[in-house]
Amino acid sequence: MAKMTKSQIIGALAEKSGLAKKEVVGLMDQLASLAYVEVKKSGEFTIPGFGKMVKAKRKARTGINPATGEKINIPAKTVVKFRLAKVAKEAVL
């Protein structure tokens, strides 16, 4: 089974909610923008029943270049992770 495209997701949400596709696109864009701003500001953003975006710090570490076997230093950095909600995991599995 193929993955749903963005337009298929928008179509399905518009059909189920009774909203116009343009309104669904606007809602999805606003939700994404809100999530980015909140994660940047407070470090996390939760969508109840779906999951949580969390900003996390990774420590500096030593890695190995697979082509040469040479050891390289990987600097510390901040990354964004997504933690799936328990309810969503149970619904899928």
N, C-alpha and C. Protein backbone atom coordinates (compact mmCIF):
# COMPACT_ATOMS: atom_id res chain seq x y z
N MET A 1 0.83 -1.18 0.00
CA MET A 1 0.00 0.00 0.00
C MET A 1 0.88 1.25 0.00
N ALA A 2 0.57 2.21 -0.85
CA ALA A 2 1.37 3.42 -0.98
C ALA A 2 1.06 4.40 0.14
N LYS A 3 2.04 5.24 0.44
CA LYS A 3 1.85 6.28 1.45
C LYS A 3 0.88 7.33 0.92
N MET A 4 0.15 7.96 1.84
CA MET A 4 -0.75 9.05 1.45
C MET A 4 0.07 10.29 1.12
N THR A 5 -0.30 10.97 0.04
CA THR A 5 0.34 12.23 -0.30
C THR A 5 -0.31 13.35 0.50
N LYS A 6 0.33 14.52 0.48
CA LYS A 6 -0.23 15.66 1.20
C LYS A 6 -1.63 16.00 0.67
N SER A 7 -1.80 15.96 -0.65
CA SER A 7 -3.12 16.30 -1.21
C SER A 7 -4.17 15.26 -0.84
N GLN A 8 -3.79 13.99 -0.71
CA GLN A 8 -4.73 12.95 -0.29
C GLN A 8 -5.13 13.16 1.18
N ILE A 9 -4.16 13.53 2.01
CA ILE A 9 -4.46 13.80 3.43
C ILE A 9 -5.41 14.99 3.53
N ILE A 10 -5.13 16.04 2.78
CA ILE A 10 -5.98 17.23 2.81
C ILE A 10 -7.38 16.88 2.33
N GLY A 11 -7.48 16.11 1.26
CA GLY A 11 -8.79 15.70 0.74
C GLY A 11 -9.57 14.89 1.76
N ALA A 12 -8.92 13.95 2.42
CA ALA A 12 -9.58 13.10 3.41
C ALA A 12 -10.05 13.93 4.61
N LEU A 13 -9.20 14.86 5.08
CA LEU A 13 -9.58 15.71 6.21
C LEU A 13 -10.72 16.64 5.84
N ALA A 14 -10.70 17.18 4.63
CA ALA A 14 -11.77 18.07 4.18
C ALA A 14 -13.09 17.32 4.11
N GLU A 15 -13.04 16.10 3.61
CA GLU A 15 -14.25 15.29 3.49
C GLU A 15 -14.84 14.94 4.86
N LYS A 16 -13.97 14.54 5.80
CA LYS A 16 -14.44 14.12 7.11
C LYS A 16 -14.89 15.29 7.99
N SER A 17 -14.26 16.46 7.79
CA SER A 17 -14.58 17.61 8.65
C SER A 17 -15.64 18.52 8.06
N GLY A 18 -15.87 18.42 6.76
CA GLY A 18 -16.83 19.30 6.11
C GLY A 18 -16.25 20.67 5.78
N LEU A 19 -14.95 20.85 6.01
CA LEU A 19 -14.29 22.10 5.67
C LEU A 19 -13.86 22.08 4.21
N ALA A 20 -13.60 23.25 3.66
CA ALA A 20 -13.07 23.33 2.30
C ALA A 20 -11.59 22.93 2.33
N LYS A 21 -11.08 22.42 1.21
CA LYS A 21 -9.68 22.01 1.15
C LYS A 21 -8.75 23.17 1.49
N LYS A 22 -9.10 24.37 1.03
CA LYS A 22 -8.28 25.55 1.30
C LYS A 22 -8.18 25.82 2.80
N GLU A 23 -9.29 25.61 3.51
CA GLU A 23 -9.30 25.81 4.97
C GLU A 23 -8.44 24.77 5.66
N VAL A 24 -8.49 23.53 5.18
CA VAL A 24 -7.68 22.46 5.77
C VAL A 24 -6.20 22.74 5.56
N VAL A 25 -5.84 23.21 4.35
CA VAL A 25 -4.44 23.56 4.07
C VAL A 25 -3.98 24.65 5.02
N GLY A 26 -4.81 25.67 5.20
CA GLY A 26 -4.47 26.77 6.12
C GLY A 26 -4.32 26.28 7.55
N LEU A 27 -5.21 25.40 7.98
CA LEU A 27 -5.14 24.85 9.33
C LEU A 27 -3.86 24.04 9.53
N MET A 28 -3.52 23.20 8.56
CA MET A 28 -2.30 22.38 8.67
C MET A 28 -1.06 23.27 8.70
N ASP A 29 -1.04 24.29 7.85
CA ASP A 29 0.11 25.22 7.84
C ASP A 29 0.23 25.96 9.15
N GLN A 30 -0.89 26.41 9.73
CA GLN A 30 -0.87 27.12 11.01
C GLN A 30 -0.42 26.20 12.15
N LEU A 31 -0.87 24.95 12.12
CA LEU A 31 -0.47 23.98 13.14
C LEU A 31 1.04 23.75 13.09
N ALA A 32 1.58 23.59 11.87
CA ALA A 32 3.02 23.39 11.71
C ALA A 32 3.79 24.61 12.20
N SER A 33 3.35 25.80 11.81
CA SER A 33 4.03 27.03 12.24
C SER A 33 4.00 27.18 13.75
N LEU A 34 2.85 26.91 14.35
CA LEU A 34 2.72 26.99 15.80
C LEU A 34 3.66 26.00 16.49
N ALA A 35 3.74 24.79 15.95
CA ALA A 35 4.63 23.77 16.52
C ALA A 35 6.09 24.23 16.47
N TYR A 36 6.52 24.78 15.33
CA TYR A 36 7.92 25.23 15.20
C TYR A 36 8.24 26.35 16.19
N VAL A 37 7.33 27.31 16.31
CA VAL A 37 7.54 28.44 17.21
C VAL A 37 7.60 27.97 18.66
N GLU A 38 6.67 27.11 19.05
CA GLU A 38 6.61 26.63 20.44
C GLU A 38 7.83 25.77 20.79
N VAL A 39 8.27 24.90 19.88
CA VAL A 39 9.45 24.07 20.16
C VAL A 39 10.67 24.95 20.31
N LYS A 40 10.79 25.95 19.44
CA LYS A 40 11.94 26.86 19.53
C LYS A 40 11.92 27.64 20.83
N LYS A 41 10.71 28.09 21.26
CA LYS A 41 10.58 28.92 22.45
C LYS A 41 10.65 28.11 23.75
N SER A 42 9.81 27.07 23.87
CA SER A 42 9.71 26.36 25.15
C SER A 42 10.35 24.97 25.15
N GLY A 43 10.76 24.48 23.99
CA GLY A 43 11.44 23.18 23.95
C GLY A 43 10.54 22.00 23.67
N GLU A 44 9.21 22.21 23.65
CA GLU A 44 8.32 21.09 23.33
C GLU A 44 6.97 21.59 22.84
N PHE A 45 6.29 20.73 22.08
CA PHE A 45 4.95 21.02 21.58
C PHE A 45 4.19 19.71 21.52
N THR A 46 3.02 19.65 22.18
CA THR A 46 2.25 18.42 22.26
C THR A 46 0.97 18.53 21.45
N ILE A 47 0.69 17.49 20.67
CA ILE A 47 -0.60 17.34 20.01
C ILE A 47 -1.27 16.18 20.73
N PRO A 48 -2.28 16.45 21.56
CA PRO A 48 -2.91 15.40 22.35
C PRO A 48 -3.40 14.24 21.48
N GLY A 49 -3.09 13.03 21.90
CA GLY A 49 -3.51 11.84 21.18
C GLY A 49 -2.63 11.49 20.00
N PHE A 50 -1.63 12.32 19.71
CA PHE A 50 -0.76 12.08 18.56
C PHE A 50 0.70 11.96 18.97
N GLY A 51 1.22 12.98 19.66
CA GLY A 51 2.61 12.91 20.09
C GLY A 51 3.14 14.26 20.49
N LYS A 52 4.46 14.30 20.70
CA LYS A 52 5.12 15.49 21.21
C LYS A 52 6.42 15.73 20.46
N MET A 53 6.63 16.97 19.99
CA MET A 53 7.91 17.38 19.43
C MET A 53 8.73 17.92 20.58
N VAL A 54 9.99 17.45 20.71
CA VAL A 54 10.83 17.84 21.83
C VAL A 54 12.21 18.24 21.31
N LYS A 55 12.73 19.36 21.84
CA LYS A 55 14.09 19.77 21.53
C LYS A 55 15.02 19.07 22.51
N ALA A 56 16.08 18.43 22.00
CA ALA A 56 17.01 17.69 22.86
C ALA A 56 18.44 18.04 22.49
N LYS A 57 19.32 18.00 23.48
CA LYS A 57 20.74 18.26 23.24
C LYS A 57 21.48 16.93 23.09
N ARG A 58 22.33 16.85 22.07
CA ARG A 58 23.19 15.68 21.90
C ARG A 58 24.59 16.06 22.33
N LYS A 59 25.25 15.16 23.05
CA LYS A 59 26.62 15.41 23.51
C LYS A 59 27.59 15.26 22.34
N ALA A 60 28.76 15.86 22.49
CA ALA A 60 29.83 15.67 21.52
C ALA A 60 30.30 14.22 21.63
N ARG A 61 30.70 13.64 20.50
CA ARG A 61 31.12 12.24 20.53
C ARG A 61 32.14 11.99 19.43
N THR A 62 32.76 10.82 19.49
CA THR A 62 33.73 10.42 18.47
C THR A 62 33.07 9.41 17.55
N GLY A 63 33.17 9.65 16.26
CA GLY A 63 32.61 8.73 15.28
C GLY A 63 33.70 8.19 14.38
N ILE A 64 33.33 7.29 13.48
CA ILE A 64 34.29 6.70 12.56
C ILE A 64 33.78 6.91 11.14
N ASN A 65 34.66 7.44 10.28
CA ASN A 65 34.34 7.59 8.86
C ASN A 65 34.32 6.19 8.25
N PRO A 66 33.17 5.71 7.75
CA PRO A 66 33.10 4.35 7.24
C PRO A 66 33.96 4.11 5.99
N ALA A 67 34.24 5.15 5.25
CA ALA A 67 35.04 4.98 4.02
C ALA A 67 36.51 4.78 4.33
N THR A 68 37.03 5.53 5.34
CA THR A 68 38.47 5.48 5.63
C THR A 68 38.80 4.82 6.96
N GLY A 69 37.83 4.68 7.82
CA GLY A 69 38.09 4.13 9.14
C GLY A 69 38.68 5.16 10.09
N GLU A 70 38.81 6.39 9.62
CA GLU A 70 39.40 7.46 10.41
C GLU A 70 38.43 7.92 11.50
N LYS A 71 38.96 8.19 12.70
CA LYS A 71 38.12 8.68 13.79
C LYS A 71 37.90 10.18 13.59
N ILE A 72 36.66 10.60 13.81
CA ILE A 72 36.33 12.02 13.66
C ILE A 72 35.57 12.48 14.89
N ASN A 73 35.71 13.76 15.21
CA ASN A 73 34.98 14.34 16.34
C ASN A 73 33.68 14.91 15.83
N ILE A 74 32.57 14.52 16.44
CA ILE A 74 31.25 15.03 16.09
C ILE A 74 30.86 16.01 17.20
N PRO A 75 30.66 17.28 16.85
CA PRO A 75 30.37 18.28 17.89
C PRO A 75 28.97 18.10 18.51
N ALA A 76 28.80 18.69 19.68
CA ALA A 76 27.49 18.67 20.34
C ALA A 76 26.52 19.50 19.50
N LYS A 77 25.24 19.11 19.52
CA LYS A 77 24.25 19.89 18.78
C LYS A 77 22.87 19.67 19.37
N THR A 78 21.95 20.54 18.98
CA THR A 78 20.56 20.43 19.41
C THR A 78 19.77 19.83 18.27
N VAL A 79 18.89 18.87 18.58
CA VAL A 79 18.07 18.20 17.58
C VAL A 79 16.61 18.23 18.02
N VAL A 80 15.71 17.98 17.09
CA VAL A 80 14.29 17.89 17.41
C VAL A 80 13.87 16.43 17.25
N LYS A 81 13.22 15.90 18.26
CA LYS A 81 12.74 14.52 18.23
C LYS A 81 11.22 14.52 18.32
N PHE A 82 10.61 13.46 17.82
CA PHE A 82 9.16 13.32 17.94
C PHE A 82 8.88 12.06 18.74
N ARG A 83 8.14 12.23 19.83
CA ARG A 83 7.77 11.10 20.68
C ARG A 83 6.30 10.80 20.44
N LEU A 84 6.02 9.61 19.97
CA LEU A 84 4.66 9.20 19.69
C LEU A 84 3.90 8.97 20.99
N ALA A 85 2.67 9.44 21.05
CA ALA A 85 1.84 9.26 22.24
C ALA A 85 1.48 7.79 22.43
N LYS A 86 1.35 7.37 23.66
CA LYS A 86 1.02 5.98 23.97
C LYS A 86 -0.30 5.58 23.31
N VAL A 87 -1.29 6.47 23.32
CA VAL A 87 -2.59 6.20 22.72
C VAL A 87 -2.45 5.93 21.22
N ALA A 88 -1.61 6.75 20.55
CA ALA A 88 -1.41 6.56 19.11
C ALA A 88 -0.69 5.25 18.83
N LYS A 89 0.30 4.93 19.64
CA LYS A 89 1.03 3.69 19.45
C LYS A 89 0.12 2.48 19.61
N GLU A 90 -0.71 2.51 20.65
CA GLU A 90 -1.64 1.40 20.87
C GLU A 90 -2.67 1.29 19.77
N ALA A 91 -3.12 2.41 19.22
CA ALA A 91 -4.10 2.40 18.15
C ALA A 91 -3.54 1.79 16.87
N VAL A 92 -2.26 2.05 16.60
CA VAL A 92 -1.62 1.55 15.39
C VAL A 92 -1.20 0.09 15.55
N LEU A 93 -0.66 -0.24 16.72
CA LEU A 93 -0.15 -1.61 16.93
C LEU A 93 -1.25 -2.47 17.49
